[in-house]
Amino acid sequence: MEIKRYAVIGHPIGHTMSPFIHSRLFALNSLPFFYGTEDAAPENLKEEIGRMRTGAFLDGCNITIPYKRAVIPLLDKLDRKAGLCGSVNTVKNENGVLTGYTTDGDGFRRTVEAAGADLTKKVTILGAGGAARAIAFEAALRGADITLAAREHSAAAGRKLCADLMRLVPGTRASFSLIKDLKGGCELLVNATPSGMYPDTAESPAGAEILSGAEYVFDAVYNPAETLMLRTARENGAKTVSGMGMLVRQAAAAQSIWLGCAFDESGIERICREASFEMKKKFGNIVLCGFMGSGKTTVGRLLAQAAGRKFVDMDSYIEDKEKMSVSEIFGRRGEGYFRKAETKAAGELSLQSGLVIAAGGGTVLNRVNADILKANGITVMLDASLDAVKCRLKGDSSRPLLREGGEKAVENLYAERRGAYAAAAELKVNADGAPETVARCVLKELRCGGA
């Protein structure tokens, strides 16, 4: 079989997930094709596209920021949806004839419909840029009643997009609102802005008062997997849909254009999970959990140093916030107060990326904390044996839960908690060895450098 070559063209291109996703999609159909990246400076874009015509460069490509519009004059043909959106993210090369398509709308539609949302009902779209345009036209073609919402500085673009929808898709119902004036109440609320994207993960384009009125909330942002907006929506009872599904499904739609490939939903869902996991390994946090004495702090510091990440000990983080030690918090305010502080700390830290976090011994026993930390991180259990733990904790009187009971207390707590750590973790590493050895094992499991 002839080995075909594909790539994503953009600038800069360092953080793309496209090679990972397309390689997995090729594998679903047993296709031994190559997919890479092409970082093209603006002055080189015309030359890069021209090279495709010879067939010696690429058999097709994806186009990403900042070239989705700039590439259009360099192509020979344009698909209808690409023409409506004024945007191209996929180029098919047929014997040197280059045709531009957009699969962003297809990826969006297939993702929200797979989650159960009905695009023929009321859809509110936040944003007025390229992503909003692709999503809005897809919703219009499905018969949605559309509200476009933007901030003041994008109001003109939002009103123009409304006018374009009604002019180019006859029968479309579309209206404009400032985000601050939204009243809520829709089948589906969509974030098509970059708000909340890594590294600005503490941002959200809409608050609880807007999100609470939506049955479904979709965020086109896929890094982090659960944005602050999605977390807020989930906490307010909405069904939430991550942008990773759109990213994978638009890639699948591109392969259908290039090669006529078909994909079953189970395969797509598996790749969504794999891609989310891979993304969290690259850009999210590494969260270490395990029983006291398993070496979370020592291993965490070594891990952070080897992987070029910042280290955070959750207990120390809480102590800095509360201006007192963990022992003092337990003594003065009680364990209940400390557990609430843990949940608050988990929420704050999960909105950051690229950290190594040593979770406190009791943190992930609370499933809420475990889920919060997992939303933007990979949780690794340092699995130390009971004998190793007892040896390391011998003579340690600084831990509030061990002041009374001694070795028997350690045995009881260990038996009680070990299963919960395993349930909270996505990876488990033997932690009986030297800290340097354990850190190397974690890095090897994650394949995130330094091994």
Protein backbone atom coordinates (compact mmCIF):
# COMPACT_ATOMS: atom_id res chain seq x y z
CA MET A 1 0.00 0.00 0.00
CA GLU A 2 1.24 3.47 -0.89
CA ILE A 3 2.12 5.47 2.22
CA LYS A 4 0.21 8.75 2.12
CA ARG A 5 1.39 11.83 3.99
CA TYR A 6 -0.74 14.40 5.80
CA ALA A 7 0.03 17.26 8.19
CA VAL A 8 -1.39 20.25 10.02
CA ILE A 9 -0.11 23.62 8.84
CA GLY A 10 -0.08 26.59 11.20
CA HIS A 11 2.16 28.99 13.12
CA PRO A 12 3.14 28.35 15.86
CA ILE A 13 2.29 24.67 15.92
CA GLY A 14 4.02 23.27 19.02
CA HIS A 15 1.01 22.36 21.18
CA THR A 16 -1.19 20.66 18.58
CA MET A 17 -2.92 17.36 19.35
CA SER A 18 -3.56 16.64 15.65
CA PRO A 19 -0.74 14.09 15.04
CA PHE A 20 -1.84 12.04 18.05
CA ILE A 21 -5.52 12.08 17.05
CA HIS A 22 -4.99 11.39 13.34
CA SER A 23 -2.59 8.52 14.01
CA ARG A 24 -5.21 6.90 16.24
CA LEU A 25 -7.90 7.45 13.58
CA PHE A 26 -5.69 5.91 10.89
CA ALA A 27 -5.16 2.90 13.16
CA LEU A 28 -8.93 2.36 13.47
CA ASN A 29 -8.99 1.64 9.74
CA SER A 30 -5.60 -0.14 9.69
CA LEU A 31 -4.07 2.58 7.49
CA PRO A 32 -0.25 2.92 7.81
CA PHE A 33 -0.25 6.61 6.86
CA PHE A 34 1.92 9.44 8.20
CA TYR A 35 0.63 12.61 9.89
CA GLY A 36 2.99 15.38 10.98
CA THR A 37 3.23 19.11 11.57
CA GLU A 38 4.36 21.96 9.33
CA ASP A 39 5.18 25.24 11.08
CA ALA A 40 4.90 27.74 8.23
CA ALA A 41 5.85 31.38 8.74
CA PRO A 42 3.37 33.79 7.05
CA GLU A 43 5.77 34.60 4.26
CA ASN A 44 6.11 30.87 3.47
CA LEU A 45 2.42 29.86 3.42
CA LYS A 46 1.99 30.30 -0.35
CA GLU A 47 5.06 28.18 -1.04
CA GLU A 48 3.92 25.45 1.39
CA ILE A 49 0.50 25.19 -0.26
CA GLY A 50 2.08 25.29 -3.72
CA ARG A 51 4.28 22.31 -2.90
CA MET A 52 1.15 20.22 -2.29
CA ARG A 53 0.21 20.43 -5.97
CA THR A 54 3.20 18.29 -6.98
CA GLY A 55 2.03 15.39 -4.81
CA ALA A 56 5.57 15.01 -3.49
CA PHE A 57 4.86 17.01 -0.34
CA LEU A 58 1.44 16.17 1.14
CA ASP A 59 -1.63 14.25 -0.01
CA GLY A 60 -3.79 16.56 2.08
CA CYS A 61 -3.56 18.77 5.11
CA ASN A 62 -5.34 20.47 7.96
CA ILE A 63 -5.10 24.22 8.42
CA THR A 64 -5.05 25.84 11.84
CA ILE A 65 -4.47 29.27 13.39
CA PRO A 66 -3.69 31.76 11.88
CA TYR A 67 -4.31 30.54 8.31
CA LYS A 68 -7.94 29.38 8.14
CA ARG A 69 -8.88 32.46 6.11
CA ALA A 70 -5.51 33.28 4.58
CA VAL A 71 -5.32 29.93 2.80
CA ILE A 72 -8.55 30.44 0.79
CA PRO A 73 -7.06 32.51 -2.10
CA LEU A 74 -4.36 29.85 -2.53
CA LEU A 75 -6.88 27.06 -3.28
CA ASP A 76 -8.65 26.01 -6.49
CA LYS A 77 -12.09 25.15 -5.07
CA LEU A 78 -14.13 25.75 -1.95
CA ASP A 79 -16.79 23.50 -0.40
CA ARG A 80 -20.16 25.13 0.36
CA LYS A 81 -19.72 25.15 4.14
CA ALA A 82 -16.21 26.56 3.83
CA GLY A 83 -17.64 29.29 1.64
CA LEU A 84 -20.41 30.10 4.13
CA CYS A 85 -17.98 30.24 7.04
CA GLY A 86 -15.17 31.94 5.13
CA SER A 87 -12.84 29.45 6.79
CA VAL A 88 -10.89 26.31 5.79
CA ASN A 89 -9.42 23.70 8.10
CA THR A 90 -9.05 20.81 5.65
CA VAL A 91 -7.50 20.69 2.16
CA LYS A 92 -7.95 17.76 -0.20
CA ASN A 93 -5.36 17.25 -2.93
CA GLU A 94 -6.73 15.52 -6.04
CA ASN A 95 -3.98 15.32 -8.65
CA GLY A 96 -2.81 18.82 -7.84
CA VAL A 97 -6.29 20.35 -7.57
CA LEU A 98 -6.71 21.72 -4.04
CA THR A 99 -10.19 21.95 -2.50
CA GLY A 100 -10.86 23.63 0.85
CA TYR A 101 -13.35 22.34 3.42
CA THR A 102 -14.30 23.14 6.97
CA THR A 103 -15.04 20.23 9.29
CA ASP A 104 -15.32 22.31 12.48
CA GLY A 105 -19.11 22.48 12.17
CA ASP A 106 -19.38 18.74 11.54
CA GLY A 107 -17.21 18.03 14.57
CA PHE A 108 -19.37 20.29 16.73
CA ARG A 109 -22.68 18.84 15.51
CA ARG A 110 -21.65 15.21 15.89
CA THR A 111 -20.29 15.86 19.37
CA VAL A 112 -23.32 17.61 20.85
CA GLU A 113 -25.76 15.23 19.18
CA ALA A 114 -23.81 12.25 20.54
CA ALA A 115 -24.30 13.81 24.00
CA GLY A 116 -28.06 14.06 23.42
CA ALA A 117 -28.52 17.76 22.57
CA ASP A 118 -31.12 18.77 19.96
CA LEU A 119 -29.81 21.32 17.44
CA THR A 120 -33.31 22.11 16.17
CA LYS A 121 -34.09 23.91 19.44
CA LYS A 122 -32.77 27.09 21.06
CA VAL A 123 -28.98 27.43 20.90
CA THR A 124 -27.00 30.26 22.50
CA ILE A 125 -23.49 30.80 21.14
CA LEU A 126 -20.89 32.88 23.00
CA GLY A 127 -18.44 34.53 20.62
CA ALA A 128 -18.32 36.10 17.18
CA GLY A 129 -15.02 34.83 15.73
CA GLY A 130 -14.12 31.99 13.41
CA ALA A 131 -15.15 29.16 15.74
CA ALA A 132 -18.47 30.86 16.49
CA ARG A 133 -19.11 31.31 12.76
CA ALA A 134 -18.54 27.61 11.97
CA ILE A 135 -20.74 26.52 14.88
CA ALA A 136 -23.46 29.08 14.11
CA PHE A 137 -23.76 28.05 10.46
CA GLU A 138 -23.89 24.36 11.42
CA ALA A 139 -26.66 25.13 13.93
CA ALA A 140 -28.51 27.24 11.34
CA LEU A 141 -28.34 24.44 8.75
CA ARG A 142 -29.93 22.12 11.36
CA GLY A 143 -32.77 24.59 12.00
CA ALA A 144 -31.75 25.98 15.39
CA ASP A 145 -33.19 29.13 16.94
CA ILE A 146 -29.90 30.97 17.49
CA THR A 147 -28.86 33.65 19.96
CA LEU A 148 -25.37 35.02 19.34
CA ALA A 149 -23.82 36.70 22.37
CA ALA A 150 -20.56 38.62 22.64
CA ARG A 151 -18.87 41.29 24.70
CA GLU A 152 -19.03 44.99 23.78
CA HIS A 153 -15.82 44.95 21.73
CA SER A 154 -17.18 42.14 19.51
CA ALA A 155 -20.75 43.42 19.22
CA ALA A 156 -20.37 44.62 15.62
CA ALA A 157 -18.96 41.25 14.53
CA GLY A 158 -21.77 39.45 16.35
CA ARG A 159 -24.48 41.51 14.67
CA LYS A 160 -22.87 40.96 11.27
CA LEU A 161 -22.74 37.21 11.87
CA CYS A 162 -26.47 37.25 12.71
CA ALA A 163 -27.19 39.10 9.47
CA ASP A 164 -25.02 36.66 7.48
CA LEU A 165 -26.84 33.67 8.96
CA MET A 166 -30.26 34.99 8.01
CA ARG A 167 -29.11 36.07 4.54
CA LEU A 168 -27.17 32.94 3.60
CA VAL A 169 -29.36 30.28 5.25
CA PRO A 170 -32.97 31.25 4.43
CA GLY A 171 -35.41 30.75 7.29
CA THR A 172 -32.79 31.05 10.02
CA ARG A 173 -33.93 32.64 13.30
CA ALA A 174 -30.98 34.54 14.78
CA SER A 175 -30.68 37.40 17.25
CA PHE A 176 -27.83 39.19 19.01
CA SER A 177 -27.27 39.92 22.70
CA LEU A 178 -24.45 41.17 24.82
CA ILE A 179 -23.28 38.40 27.11
CA LYS A 180 -24.02 40.54 30.17
CA ASP A 181 -27.67 40.85 29.05
CA LEU A 182 -28.31 37.12 28.55
CA LYS A 183 -31.22 35.78 30.59
CA GLY A 184 -30.41 32.08 30.27
CA GLY A 185 -32.83 29.37 29.27
CA CYS A 186 -31.82 27.31 26.20
CA GLU A 187 -31.38 23.74 25.04
CA LEU A 188 -27.67 24.26 24.39
CA LEU A 189 -25.20 26.96 25.42
CA VAL A 190 -21.92 27.00 23.49
CA ASN A 191 -18.64 28.69 24.31
CA ALA A 192 -16.92 29.53 21.02
CA THR A 193 -14.45 31.97 22.58
CA PRO A 194 -10.92 31.17 23.83
CA SER A 195 -11.89 32.18 27.37
CA GLY A 196 -10.75 29.52 29.85
CA MET A 197 -8.14 28.02 27.51
CA TYR A 198 -4.72 27.01 28.84
CA PRO A 199 -2.86 28.86 30.30
CA ASP A 200 -5.71 31.25 31.28
CA THR A 201 -7.69 28.48 32.93
CA ALA A 202 -9.14 30.65 35.71
CA GLU A 203 -11.28 32.57 33.18
CA SER A 204 -14.88 31.84 32.15
CA PRO A 205 -17.00 33.61 29.52
CA ALA A 206 -20.19 33.15 31.55
CA GLY A 207 -21.17 32.86 35.19
CA ALA A 208 -23.59 30.58 37.01
CA GLU A 209 -26.57 32.90 36.43
CA ILE A 210 -26.29 32.31 32.66
CA LEU A 211 -25.19 28.68 32.75
CA SER A 212 -27.91 27.51 35.14
CA GLY A 213 -30.63 28.02 32.51
CA ALA A 214 -29.08 25.66 29.93
CA GLU A 215 -29.85 21.96 29.64
CA TYR A 216 -26.53 21.30 27.85
CA VAL A 217 -23.33 23.34 27.97
CA PHE A 218 -20.62 22.75 25.34
CA ASP A 219 -17.17 24.34 25.48
CA ALA A 220 -15.11 24.34 22.27
CA VAL A 221 -12.02 24.79 24.48
CA TYR A 222 -10.44 21.35 24.98
CA ASN A 223 -7.39 22.29 27.07
CA PRO A 224 -8.13 21.84 29.95
CA ALA A 225 -10.60 19.00 29.48
CA GLU A 226 -12.93 20.51 32.09
CA THR A 227 -12.86 24.28 31.92
CA LEU A 228 -14.05 26.52 34.73
CA MET A 229 -17.21 27.15 32.68
CA LEU A 230 -17.95 23.43 32.36
CA ARG A 231 -17.30 22.86 36.05
CA THR A 232 -19.65 25.70 36.99
CA ALA A 233 -22.31 24.40 34.59
CA ARG A 234 -22.02 20.86 35.99
CA GLU A 235 -22.34 22.14 39.54
CA ASN A 236 -25.51 23.97 38.47
CA GLY A 237 -27.13 20.86 37.03
CA ALA A 238 -26.37 21.17 33.29
CA LYS A 239 -25.13 18.30 31.15
CA THR A 240 -21.63 19.26 30.04
CA VAL A 241 -19.74 18.44 26.84
CA SER A 242 -15.97 18.95 26.45
CA GLY A 243 -14.33 20.33 23.32
CA MET A 244 -12.15 17.25 22.88
CA GLY A 245 -15.06 15.47 21.18
CA MET A 246 -15.27 18.23 18.58
CA LEU A 247 -11.51 18.09 17.98
CA VAL A 248 -11.57 14.33 17.39
CA ARG A 249 -14.73 14.33 15.28
CA GLN A 250 -13.58 17.17 13.03
CA ALA A 251 -10.39 15.16 12.43
CA ALA A 252 -12.51 12.09 11.60
CA ALA A 253 -14.54 14.21 9.17
CA ALA A 254 -11.29 15.32 7.50
CA GLN A 255 -10.24 11.70 6.98
CA SER A 256 -13.66 10.99 5.48
CA ILE A 257 -12.98 13.79 2.95
CA TRP A 258 -9.45 12.60 2.14
CA LEU A 259 -10.03 8.87 2.12
CA GLY A 260 -13.74 8.08 2.46
CA CYS A 261 -13.15 6.63 5.93
CA ALA A 262 -16.03 5.72 8.23
CA PHE A 263 -15.82 5.49 12.02
CA ASP A 264 -18.06 3.87 14.61
CA GLU A 265 -18.97 5.87 17.69
CA SER A 266 -17.26 3.48 20.11
CA GLY A 267 -13.93 4.02 18.35
CA ILE A 268 -14.38 7.80 18.37
CA GLU A 269 -15.22 7.80 22.10
CA ARG A 270 -12.14 5.71 22.86
CA ILE A 271 -9.91 8.15 20.99
CA CYS A 272 -11.54 11.06 22.84
CA ARG A 273 -10.57 9.43 26.14
CA GLU A 274 -7.05 8.64 24.93
CA ALA A 275 -6.55 12.17 23.59
CA SER A 276 -7.80 13.75 26.83
CA PHE A 277 -5.40 11.57 28.81
CA GLU A 278 -2.50 12.42 26.49
CA MET A 279 -3.30 16.14 26.69
CA LYS A 280 -3.37 16.06 30.48
CA LYS A 281 0.01 14.30 30.47
CA LYS A 282 1.47 17.04 28.28
CA PHE A 283 -0.16 20.14 29.68
CA GLY A 284 -2.09 19.24 32.84
CA ASN A 285 -0.99 18.46 36.38
CA ILE A 286 0.60 15.34 37.85
CA VAL A 287 -1.21 14.60 41.11
CA LEU A 288 0.44 12.21 43.56
CA CYS A 289 -1.80 10.43 46.04
CA GLY A 290 -1.11 7.70 48.56
CA PHE A 291 -0.93 6.89 52.23
CA MET A 292 1.15 9.04 54.55
CA GLY A 293 4.77 7.96 54.32
CA SER A 294 4.46 6.88 50.68
CA GLY A 295 6.88 9.64 49.68
CA LYS A 296 4.56 12.04 47.88
CA THR A 297 6.48 15.18 48.86
CA THR A 298 10.00 13.83 48.29
CA VAL A 299 9.10 12.05 45.05
CA GLY A 300 7.06 15.06 43.94
CA ARG A 301 10.01 17.44 44.27
CA LEU A 302 12.26 15.08 42.29
CA LEU A 303 9.57 14.59 39.68
CA ALA A 304 9.02 18.32 39.27
CA GLN A 305 12.73 18.96 38.90
CA ALA A 306 13.16 16.21 36.30
CA ALA A 307 10.08 17.22 34.27
CA GLY A 308 10.65 20.98 34.48
CA ARG A 309 7.43 21.60 36.43
CA LYS A 310 6.48 23.54 39.55
CA PHE A 311 5.96 21.49 42.72
CA VAL A 312 3.07 22.15 45.12
CA ASP A 313 2.52 20.32 48.41
CA MET A 314 -1.20 20.67 49.18
CA ASP A 315 -0.74 20.68 52.94
CA SER A 316 1.87 23.45 52.67
CA TYR A 317 -0.40 25.31 50.23
CA ILE A 318 -3.24 25.20 52.79
CA GLU A 319 -0.89 26.22 55.60
CA ASP A 320 0.17 29.29 53.61
CA LYS A 321 -3.47 30.22 52.98
CA GLU A 322 -4.56 29.68 56.59
CA LYS A 323 -1.39 31.12 58.19
CA MET A 324 -1.08 28.12 60.51
CA SER A 325 0.18 24.55 60.39
CA VAL A 326 -2.03 21.56 59.63
CA SER A 327 -1.70 20.49 63.26
CA GLU A 328 -2.88 23.92 64.41
CA ILE A 329 -5.81 23.86 61.98
CA PHE A 330 -6.91 20.48 63.34
CA GLY A 331 -6.45 21.65 66.93
CA ARG A 332 -8.11 25.06 66.65
CA ARG A 333 -10.74 24.54 63.99
CA GLY A 334 -11.23 20.81 63.66
CA GLU A 335 -10.90 18.23 60.92
CA GLY A 336 -14.12 19.36 59.20
CA TYR A 337 -12.69 22.83 58.61
CA PHE A 338 -9.47 21.36 57.22
CA ARG A 339 -11.36 19.10 54.78
CA LYS A 340 -13.25 22.11 53.42
CA ALA A 341 -9.92 23.89 52.98
CA GLU A 342 -8.67 20.84 51.05
CA THR A 343 -11.58 21.03 48.63
CA LYS A 344 -11.01 24.74 48.10
CA ALA A 345 -7.30 24.13 47.50
CA ALA A 346 -8.05 21.31 45.03
CA GLY A 347 -10.31 23.66 43.06
CA GLU A 348 -7.71 26.43 42.94
CA LEU A 349 -4.85 24.15 41.95
CA SER A 350 -6.85 22.32 39.29
CA LEU A 351 -7.29 25.63 37.46
CA GLN A 352 -3.52 25.73 36.98
CA SER A 353 -1.49 23.57 34.62
CA GLY A 354 1.97 22.04 34.52
CA LEU A 355 2.16 21.37 38.26
CA VAL A 356 3.29 18.36 40.26
CA ILE A 357 0.88 18.23 43.22
CA ALA A 358 1.43 16.14 46.34
CA ALA A 359 -2.09 15.59 47.65
CA GLY A 360 -2.60 15.25 51.38
CA GLY A 361 -3.21 11.77 52.75
CA GLY A 362 -6.95 12.37 53.08
CA THR A 363 -7.52 14.55 50.02
CA VAL A 364 -8.70 12.02 47.46
CA LEU A 365 -10.73 10.06 50.01
CA ASN A 366 -13.32 12.71 49.21
CA ARG A 367 -14.54 11.79 45.73
CA VAL A 368 -15.32 15.45 45.03
CA ASN A 369 -11.65 16.34 45.54
CA ALA A 370 -10.52 13.37 43.44
CA ASP A 371 -12.75 14.41 40.53
CA ILE A 372 -11.69 18.07 40.75
CA LEU A 373 -7.99 17.18 40.61
CA LYS A 374 -8.54 14.63 37.83
CA ALA A 375 -10.36 17.18 35.63
CA ASN A 376 -7.04 18.78 34.71
CA GLY A 377 -4.49 16.25 35.86
CA ILE A 378 -3.29 12.66 35.91
CA THR A 379 -3.60 11.11 39.37
CA VAL A 380 -0.80 8.69 40.27
CA MET A 381 -0.94 6.48 43.35
CA LEU A 382 2.38 5.94 45.11
CA ASP A 383 1.68 2.44 46.35
CA ALA A 384 3.90 1.82 49.37
CA SER A 385 3.55 -1.42 51.29
CA LEU A 386 2.41 -1.38 54.93
CA ASP A 387 5.87 -2.44 56.10
CA ALA A 388 7.51 0.43 54.19
CA VAL A 389 4.98 2.91 55.57
CA LYS A 390 5.46 1.77 59.18
CA CYS A 391 9.21 2.01 58.82
CA ARG A 392 9.01 5.55 57.43
CA LEU A 393 6.49 6.78 60.00
CA LYS A 394 8.28 5.31 63.04
CA GLY A 395 8.75 8.03 65.62
CA ASP A 396 6.79 10.63 63.62
CA SER A 397 4.53 12.55 66.02
CA SER A 398 3.79 15.47 63.71
CA ARG A 399 0.74 13.95 62.01
CA PRO A 400 -2.55 14.80 63.75
CA LEU A 401 -4.27 11.50 62.94
CA LEU A 402 -1.43 9.44 64.41
CA ARG A 403 -0.81 11.15 67.73
CA GLU A 404 -2.89 8.53 69.45
CA GLY A 405 -2.91 4.85 68.59
CA GLY A 406 0.62 4.47 67.25
CA GLU A 407 1.36 1.52 64.99
CA LYS A 408 -2.14 0.08 65.32
CA ALA A 409 -3.61 3.34 64.07
CA VAL A 410 -1.31 3.17 61.03
CA GLU A 411 -2.45 -0.39 60.25
CA ASN A 412 -6.14 0.48 60.55
CA LEU A 413 -5.89 3.64 58.46
CA TYR A 414 -3.81 1.88 55.82
CA ALA A 415 -6.40 -0.89 55.44
CA GLU A 416 -9.21 1.66 55.36
CA ARG A 417 -7.68 4.03 52.80
CA ARG A 418 -5.62 1.97 50.34
CA GLY A 419 -8.61 1.00 48.20
CA ALA A 420 -9.76 4.61 47.97
CA TYR A 421 -6.35 5.73 46.70
CA ALA A 422 -6.41 3.02 44.05
CA ALA A 423 -9.93 4.03 42.98
CA ALA A 424 -8.93 7.69 42.64
CA ALA A 425 -5.76 7.00 40.63
CA GLU A 426 -5.35 6.51 36.89
CA LEU A 427 -1.85 5.06 37.33
CA LYS A 428 -0.23 3.13 40.17
CA VAL A 429 3.52 2.95 40.88
CA ASN A 430 5.30 0.81 43.47
CA ALA A 431 6.70 3.23 46.06
CA ASP A 432 8.80 0.94 48.27
CA GLY A 433 12.07 1.90 46.58
CA ALA A 434 14.28 4.96 46.92
CA PRO A 435 12.56 8.26 46.00
CA GLU A 436 14.80 8.68 42.93
CA THR A 437 13.75 5.24 41.67
CA VAL A 438 10.06 5.94 42.28
CA ALA A 439 10.29 9.30 40.48
CA ARG A 440 11.90 7.63 37.47
CA CYS A 441 9.12 5.03 37.41
CA VAL A 442 6.45 7.75 37.42
CA LEU A 443 8.17 9.59 34.57
CA LYS A 444 8.44 6.37 32.59
CA GLU A 445 4.75 5.62 33.08
CA LEU A 446 3.78 9.13 32.00
CA ARG A 447 6.47 9.43 29.30
CA CYS A 448 6.65 13.15 30.06
CA GLY A 449 10.41 13.62 29.95
CA GLY A 450 13.28 13.12 32.34
CA ALA A 451 13.21 9.31 32.28
